Amino acid sequence: MILIGTTLAFAQKEARIQFKEITHSFGNVQESDGTVSCEFEFVNTGNAPLIIIRASASCGCTIPEYPQQPVAPGKKGIIKVTYNAKGRPGAFQKNVYVYSNTKPDKSILTIKGTVIPSVNKK
């Protein structure tokens, strides 16, 4: 009976996502620059392929891009996050929710910064 339980424990395979950083500060961003982007690097530290099911942002001004193919155990991946600063002067903090086949199944990434308004020349 113990042998069966031990065998089942070793047979379990799971993906694990480990981000190098979960927060990125853009600092000051010029509104006239339009969009700014950053990349969140991660590693699959599990023993099964990592599948990112979807990634969504807390606002339409933030767009995440993620790998569409499974990430093999031990391999790295990138989630690119783009923020549209145009028309959004002032401080910002946005979350990106990454859903995958890991436990827990949701990771939260954060971007922040301050948009410096464009100076209108008349």
N, C-alpha and C. Protein backbone atom coordinates (compact mmCIF):
# COMPACT_ATOMS: atom_id res chain seq x y z
N MET A 1 0.82 -1.19 0.00
CA MET A 1 0.00 0.00 0.00
C MET A 1 0.87 1.25 0.00
N ILE A 2 1.91 1.26 0.77
CA ILE A 2 2.81 2.42 0.81
C ILE A 2 3.50 2.59 -0.53
N LEU A 3 3.89 1.54 -1.16
CA LEU A 3 4.56 1.59 -2.45
C LEU A 3 3.67 2.25 -3.50
N ILE A 4 2.38 1.94 -3.50
CA ILE A 4 1.44 2.54 -4.45
C ILE A 4 1.34 4.05 -4.23
N GLY A 5 1.21 4.47 -2.98
CA GLY A 5 1.12 5.90 -2.67
C GLY A 5 2.39 6.64 -3.08
N THR A 6 3.54 6.06 -2.86
CA THR A 6 4.80 6.68 -3.23
C THR A 6 4.91 6.78 -4.74
N THR A 7 4.51 5.76 -5.45
CA THR A 7 4.56 5.76 -6.90
C THR A 7 3.67 6.86 -7.47
N LEU A 8 2.48 7.03 -6.92
CA LEU A 8 1.57 8.07 -7.40
C LEU A 8 2.13 9.46 -7.14
N ALA A 9 2.79 9.65 -6.00
CA ALA A 9 3.36 10.95 -5.68
C ALA A 9 4.45 11.33 -6.68
N PHE A 10 5.27 10.38 -7.06
CA PHE A 10 6.34 10.65 -8.01
C PHE A 10 5.82 10.80 -9.44
N ALA A 11 4.69 10.21 -9.74
CA ALA A 11 4.12 10.26 -11.09
C ALA A 11 3.46 11.61 -11.39
N GLN A 12 3.13 12.39 -10.36
CA GLN A 12 2.48 13.69 -10.57
C GLN A 12 3.41 14.65 -11.26
N LYS A 13 2.93 15.24 -12.31
CA LYS A 13 3.72 16.25 -13.02
C LYS A 13 2.93 17.54 -12.99
N GLU A 14 3.65 18.63 -12.77
CA GLU A 14 2.98 19.92 -12.78
C GLU A 14 3.93 21.00 -13.28
N ALA A 15 3.33 21.99 -13.90
CA ALA A 15 4.07 23.16 -14.36
C ALA A 15 4.14 24.16 -13.22
N ARG A 16 5.22 24.91 -13.18
CA ARG A 16 5.38 25.97 -12.18
C ARG A 16 5.96 27.19 -12.88
N ILE A 17 5.39 28.34 -12.57
CA ILE A 17 5.87 29.58 -13.20
C ILE A 17 6.58 30.42 -12.15
N GLN A 18 7.80 30.84 -12.49
CA GLN A 18 8.56 31.69 -11.59
C GLN A 18 9.04 32.90 -12.37
N PHE A 19 8.56 34.08 -11.97
CA PHE A 19 8.93 35.31 -12.64
C PHE A 19 10.21 35.88 -12.04
N LYS A 20 11.03 36.47 -12.90
CA LYS A 20 12.25 37.13 -12.44
C LYS A 20 11.85 38.34 -11.59
N GLU A 21 10.85 39.11 -12.05
CA GLU A 21 10.27 40.23 -11.32
C GLU A 21 8.78 40.27 -11.62
N ILE A 22 7.99 40.75 -10.67
CA ILE A 22 6.54 40.84 -10.91
C ILE A 22 6.06 42.29 -10.99
N THR A 23 6.98 43.25 -10.79
CA THR A 23 6.63 44.66 -10.88
C THR A 23 7.65 45.37 -11.75
N HIS A 24 7.16 46.26 -12.62
CA HIS A 24 8.05 47.08 -13.44
C HIS A 24 7.63 48.54 -13.31
N SER A 25 8.61 49.39 -12.98
CA SER A 25 8.35 50.83 -12.91
C SER A 25 8.95 51.49 -14.14
N PHE A 26 8.10 52.18 -14.89
CA PHE A 26 8.57 52.92 -16.06
C PHE A 26 9.19 54.26 -15.64
N GLY A 27 8.97 54.67 -14.39
CA GLY A 27 9.42 55.99 -13.97
C GLY A 27 8.57 57.04 -14.65
N ASN A 28 9.21 58.12 -15.11
CA ASN A 28 8.48 59.15 -15.83
C ASN A 28 8.43 58.83 -17.31
N VAL A 29 7.23 58.91 -17.87
CA VAL A 29 6.98 58.63 -19.28
C VAL A 29 6.38 59.88 -19.91
N GLN A 30 6.89 60.28 -21.06
CA GLN A 30 6.31 61.43 -21.77
C GLN A 30 5.03 61.00 -22.48
N GLU A 31 3.97 61.75 -22.27
CA GLU A 31 2.70 61.45 -22.94
C GLU A 31 2.88 61.43 -24.45
N SER A 32 3.74 62.30 -24.95
CA SER A 32 3.98 62.39 -26.40
C SER A 32 4.65 61.14 -26.97
N ASP A 33 5.26 60.31 -26.10
CA ASP A 33 5.88 59.06 -26.57
C ASP A 33 4.84 58.02 -26.98
N GLY A 34 3.61 58.20 -26.53
CA GLY A 34 2.55 57.24 -26.88
C GLY A 34 2.62 55.99 -26.02
N THR A 35 3.13 54.90 -26.59
CA THR A 35 3.16 53.64 -25.85
C THR A 35 4.56 53.33 -25.33
N VAL A 36 4.58 52.63 -24.21
CA VAL A 36 5.83 52.12 -23.63
C VAL A 36 5.61 50.64 -23.34
N SER A 37 6.68 49.86 -23.43
CA SER A 37 6.58 48.41 -23.22
C SER A 37 7.68 47.92 -22.29
N CYS A 38 7.40 46.81 -21.64
CA CYS A 38 8.40 46.12 -20.83
C CYS A 38 8.16 44.62 -20.99
N GLU A 39 9.14 43.85 -20.54
CA GLU A 39 9.04 42.39 -20.63
C GLU A 39 9.23 41.78 -19.25
N PHE A 40 8.36 40.83 -18.93
CA PHE A 40 8.47 40.05 -17.70
C PHE A 40 8.96 38.66 -18.10
N GLU A 41 10.16 38.32 -17.64
CA GLU A 41 10.73 37.01 -17.96
C GLU A 41 10.31 36.00 -16.89
N PHE A 42 10.02 34.78 -17.35
CA PHE A 42 9.66 33.72 -16.41
C PHE A 42 10.34 32.43 -16.82
N VAL A 43 10.39 31.49 -15.86
CA VAL A 43 10.94 30.15 -16.09
C VAL A 43 9.91 29.14 -15.64
N ASN A 44 9.78 28.06 -16.39
CA ASN A 44 8.95 26.94 -15.97
C ASN A 44 9.83 26.08 -15.06
N THR A 45 9.63 26.19 -13.74
CA THR A 45 10.44 25.42 -12.79
C THR A 45 9.80 24.08 -12.45
N GLY A 46 8.71 23.74 -13.12
CA GLY A 46 8.04 22.46 -12.88
C GLY A 46 8.61 21.36 -13.75
N ASN A 47 7.89 20.23 -13.77
CA ASN A 47 8.33 19.07 -14.55
C ASN A 47 7.32 18.69 -15.63
N ALA A 48 6.45 19.64 -15.99
CA ALA A 48 5.47 19.45 -17.07
C ALA A 48 5.42 20.74 -17.90
N PRO A 49 4.98 20.65 -19.15
CA PRO A 49 4.88 21.86 -19.97
C PRO A 49 3.96 22.90 -19.34
N LEU A 50 4.38 24.16 -19.40
CA LEU A 50 3.62 25.29 -18.87
C LEU A 50 2.79 25.88 -20.01
N ILE A 51 1.50 25.98 -19.79
CA ILE A 51 0.60 26.54 -20.79
C ILE A 51 -0.05 27.78 -20.21
N ILE A 52 0.18 28.92 -20.87
CA ILE A 52 -0.49 30.14 -20.46
C ILE A 52 -1.82 30.16 -21.21
N ILE A 53 -2.88 30.12 -20.45
CA ILE A 53 -4.23 30.04 -21.01
C ILE A 53 -4.68 31.39 -21.53
N ARG A 54 -4.43 32.43 -20.74
CA ARG A 54 -4.75 33.79 -21.17
C ARG A 54 -4.06 34.78 -20.25
N ALA A 55 -3.99 36.02 -20.72
CA ALA A 55 -3.48 37.12 -19.91
C ALA A 55 -4.38 38.31 -20.19
N SER A 56 -4.81 38.97 -19.13
CA SER A 56 -5.70 40.12 -19.29
C SER A 56 -5.22 41.25 -18.39
N ALA A 57 -5.57 42.46 -18.77
CA ALA A 57 -5.15 43.64 -18.02
C ALA A 57 -6.33 44.25 -17.29
N SER A 58 -6.02 45.07 -16.29
CA SER A 58 -7.06 45.72 -15.50
C SER A 58 -7.69 46.89 -16.25
N CYS A 59 -7.16 47.22 -17.42
CA CYS A 59 -7.65 48.38 -18.18
C CYS A 59 -7.33 48.18 -19.66
N GLY A 60 -8.14 48.75 -20.52
CA GLY A 60 -7.92 48.63 -21.96
C GLY A 60 -6.68 49.36 -22.47
N CYS A 61 -6.07 50.20 -21.63
CA CYS A 61 -4.87 50.93 -22.01
C CYS A 61 -3.61 50.07 -21.89
N THR A 62 -3.76 48.87 -21.37
CA THR A 62 -2.64 47.96 -21.14
C THR A 62 -2.88 46.66 -21.90
N ILE A 63 -1.88 46.27 -22.70
CA ILE A 63 -2.04 45.07 -23.53
C ILE A 63 -0.91 44.08 -23.26
N PRO A 64 -1.26 42.88 -22.76
CA PRO A 64 -0.24 41.85 -22.56
C PRO A 64 -0.14 40.93 -23.78
N GLU A 65 1.08 40.48 -24.07
CA GLU A 65 1.33 39.47 -25.10
C GLU A 65 2.08 38.33 -24.42
N TYR A 66 1.70 37.10 -24.73
CA TYR A 66 2.27 35.95 -24.03
C TYR A 66 2.52 34.81 -25.02
N PRO A 67 3.38 33.85 -24.65
CA PRO A 67 3.66 32.72 -25.54
C PRO A 67 2.40 31.90 -25.81
N GLN A 68 2.18 31.59 -27.06
CA GLN A 68 1.02 30.78 -27.45
C GLN A 68 1.33 29.28 -27.40
N GLN A 69 2.61 28.94 -27.39
CA GLN A 69 3.03 27.53 -27.35
C GLN A 69 3.43 27.17 -25.91
N PRO A 70 3.32 25.90 -25.54
CA PRO A 70 3.75 25.47 -24.20
C PRO A 70 5.24 25.78 -23.98
N VAL A 71 5.58 26.09 -22.73
CA VAL A 71 6.97 26.33 -22.35
C VAL A 71 7.45 25.08 -21.61
N ALA A 72 8.47 24.46 -22.15
CA ALA A 72 8.98 23.20 -21.59
C ALA A 72 9.60 23.41 -20.21
N PRO A 73 9.64 22.36 -19.40
CA PRO A 73 10.30 22.47 -18.09
C PRO A 73 11.74 22.98 -18.24
N GLY A 74 12.10 23.94 -17.39
CA GLY A 74 13.45 24.50 -17.42
C GLY A 74 13.65 25.61 -18.43
N LYS A 75 12.68 25.84 -19.29
CA LYS A 75 12.81 26.86 -20.34
C LYS A 75 12.21 28.19 -19.88
N LYS A 76 12.66 29.26 -20.57
CA LYS A 76 12.20 30.62 -20.25
C LYS A 76 11.14 31.08 -21.23
N GLY A 77 10.36 32.04 -20.79
CA GLY A 77 9.37 32.68 -21.64
C GLY A 77 9.29 34.16 -21.27
N ILE A 78 8.60 34.91 -22.11
CA ILE A 78 8.46 36.35 -21.92
C ILE A 78 6.99 36.74 -22.03
N ILE A 79 6.55 37.62 -21.13
CA ILE A 79 5.25 38.27 -21.28
C ILE A 79 5.56 39.74 -21.49
N LYS A 80 5.17 40.24 -22.66
CA LYS A 80 5.40 41.64 -23.01
C LYS A 80 4.15 42.43 -22.64
N VAL A 81 4.33 43.56 -21.96
CA VAL A 81 3.21 44.40 -21.54
C VAL A 81 3.42 45.80 -22.13
N THR A 82 2.41 46.30 -22.85
CA THR A 82 2.47 47.61 -23.46
C THR A 82 1.40 48.50 -22.85
N TYR A 83 1.82 49.71 -22.46
CA TYR A 83 0.91 50.69 -21.85
C TYR A 83 0.81 51.89 -22.79
N ASN A 84 -0.42 52.34 -23.04
CA ASN A 84 -0.66 53.51 -23.88
C ASN A 84 -0.80 54.74 -22.99
N ALA A 85 0.22 55.61 -23.00
CA ALA A 85 0.26 56.78 -22.14
C ALA A 85 -0.50 57.97 -22.72
N LYS A 86 -0.83 57.91 -24.00
CA LYS A 86 -1.46 59.06 -24.66
C LYS A 86 -2.83 59.35 -24.03
N GLY A 87 -3.00 60.62 -23.62
CA GLY A 87 -4.26 61.05 -23.02
C GLY A 87 -4.46 60.61 -21.58
N ARG A 88 -3.38 60.14 -20.93
CA ARG A 88 -3.49 59.64 -19.55
C ARG A 88 -2.42 60.26 -18.65
N PRO A 89 -2.40 61.59 -18.51
CA PRO A 89 -1.38 62.20 -17.66
C PRO A 89 -1.57 61.84 -16.19
N GLY A 90 -0.45 61.81 -15.46
CA GLY A 90 -0.49 61.50 -14.03
C GLY A 90 0.04 60.12 -13.72
N ALA A 91 -0.03 59.77 -12.45
CA ALA A 91 0.48 58.47 -11.98
C ALA A 91 -0.45 57.34 -12.44
N PHE A 92 0.16 56.20 -12.72
CA PHE A 92 -0.64 55.02 -13.07
C PHE A 92 -0.04 53.78 -12.42
N GLN A 93 -0.92 52.82 -12.17
CA GLN A 93 -0.54 51.48 -11.72
C GLN A 93 -1.56 50.52 -12.29
N LYS A 94 -1.11 49.58 -13.09
CA LYS A 94 -2.00 48.63 -13.76
C LYS A 94 -1.54 47.21 -13.47
N ASN A 95 -2.51 46.31 -13.36
CA ASN A 95 -2.21 44.90 -13.14
C ASN A 95 -2.48 44.10 -14.41
N VAL A 96 -1.67 43.06 -14.59
CA VAL A 96 -1.88 42.08 -15.66
C VAL A 96 -2.06 40.73 -14.98
N TYR A 97 -3.14 40.05 -15.32
CA TYR A 97 -3.47 38.75 -14.71
C TYR A 97 -3.11 37.65 -15.70
N VAL A 98 -2.22 36.76 -15.28
CA VAL A 98 -1.74 35.67 -16.13
C VAL A 98 -2.34 34.37 -15.61
N TYR A 99 -3.12 33.71 -16.46
CA TYR A 99 -3.77 32.44 -16.09
C TYR A 99 -3.06 31.30 -16.81
N SER A 100 -2.68 30.27 -16.03
CA SER A 100 -1.93 29.16 -16.61
C SER A 100 -2.33 27.84 -15.94
N ASN A 101 -1.70 26.77 -16.37
CA ASN A 101 -1.98 25.44 -15.82
C ASN A 101 -1.12 25.16 -14.58
N THR A 102 -0.89 26.17 -13.78
CA THR A 102 -0.11 26.04 -12.55
C THR A 102 -1.02 26.11 -11.34
N LYS A 103 -0.46 25.88 -10.16
CA LYS A 103 -1.21 26.03 -8.91
C LYS A 103 -0.45 26.98 -8.03
N PRO A 104 -0.97 28.17 -7.70
CA PRO A 104 -2.27 28.68 -8.14
C PRO A 104 -2.25 28.99 -9.64
N ASP A 105 -3.43 29.09 -10.21
CA ASP A 105 -3.53 29.26 -11.66
C ASP A 105 -3.46 30.71 -12.11
N LYS A 106 -3.35 31.66 -11.18
CA LYS A 106 -3.29 33.08 -11.54
C LYS A 106 -2.06 33.74 -10.93
N SER A 107 -1.32 34.46 -11.77
CA SER A 107 -0.20 35.28 -11.33
C SER A 107 -0.54 36.73 -11.65
N ILE A 108 -0.07 37.65 -10.82
CA ILE A 108 -0.36 39.07 -11.04
C ILE A 108 0.95 39.82 -11.26
N LEU A 109 1.01 40.52 -12.40
CA LEU A 109 2.14 41.38 -12.72
C LEU A 109 1.67 42.83 -12.62
N THR A 110 2.56 43.73 -12.25
CA THR A 110 2.18 45.14 -12.07
C THR A 110 3.14 46.05 -12.84
N ILE A 111 2.56 47.04 -13.53
CA ILE A 111 3.35 48.10 -14.13
C ILE A 111 2.92 49.42 -13.49
N LYS A 112 3.86 50.35 -13.38
CA LYS A 112 3.52 51.64 -12.79
C LYS A 112 4.45 52.71 -13.33
N GLY A 113 4.06 53.94 -13.09
CA GLY A 113 4.87 55.06 -13.53
C GLY A 113 4.06 56.34 -13.46
N THR A 114 4.62 57.40 -14.04
CA THR A 114 3.96 58.69 -14.09
C THR A 114 4.05 59.23 -15.51
N VAL A 115 2.91 59.60 -16.06
CA VAL A 115 2.88 60.16 -17.41
C VAL A 115 2.98 61.68 -17.28
N ILE A 116 4.02 62.23 -17.92
CA ILE A 116 4.24 63.67 -17.94
C ILE A 116 3.45 64.24 -19.13
N PRO A 117 2.52 65.17 -18.86
CA PRO A 117 1.67 65.68 -19.93
C PRO A 117 2.46 66.40 -21.02
N SER A 118 1.94 66.30 -22.23
CA SER A 118 2.52 67.03 -23.35
C SER A 118 2.25 68.51 -23.17
N VAL A 119 3.18 69.34 -23.61
CA VAL A 119 3.00 70.78 -23.54
C VAL A 119 2.45 71.23 -24.89
N ASN A 120 1.26 71.83 -24.86
CA ASN A 120 0.64 72.31 -26.11
C ASN A 120 1.25 73.64 -26.49
N LYS A 121 1.79 73.71 -27.70
CA LYS A 121 2.37 74.95 -28.19
C LYS A 121 1.34 75.63 -29.09
N LYS A 122 1.02 76.89 -28.78
CA LYS A 122 0.03 77.61 -29.58
C LYS A 122 0.66 78.79 -30.26
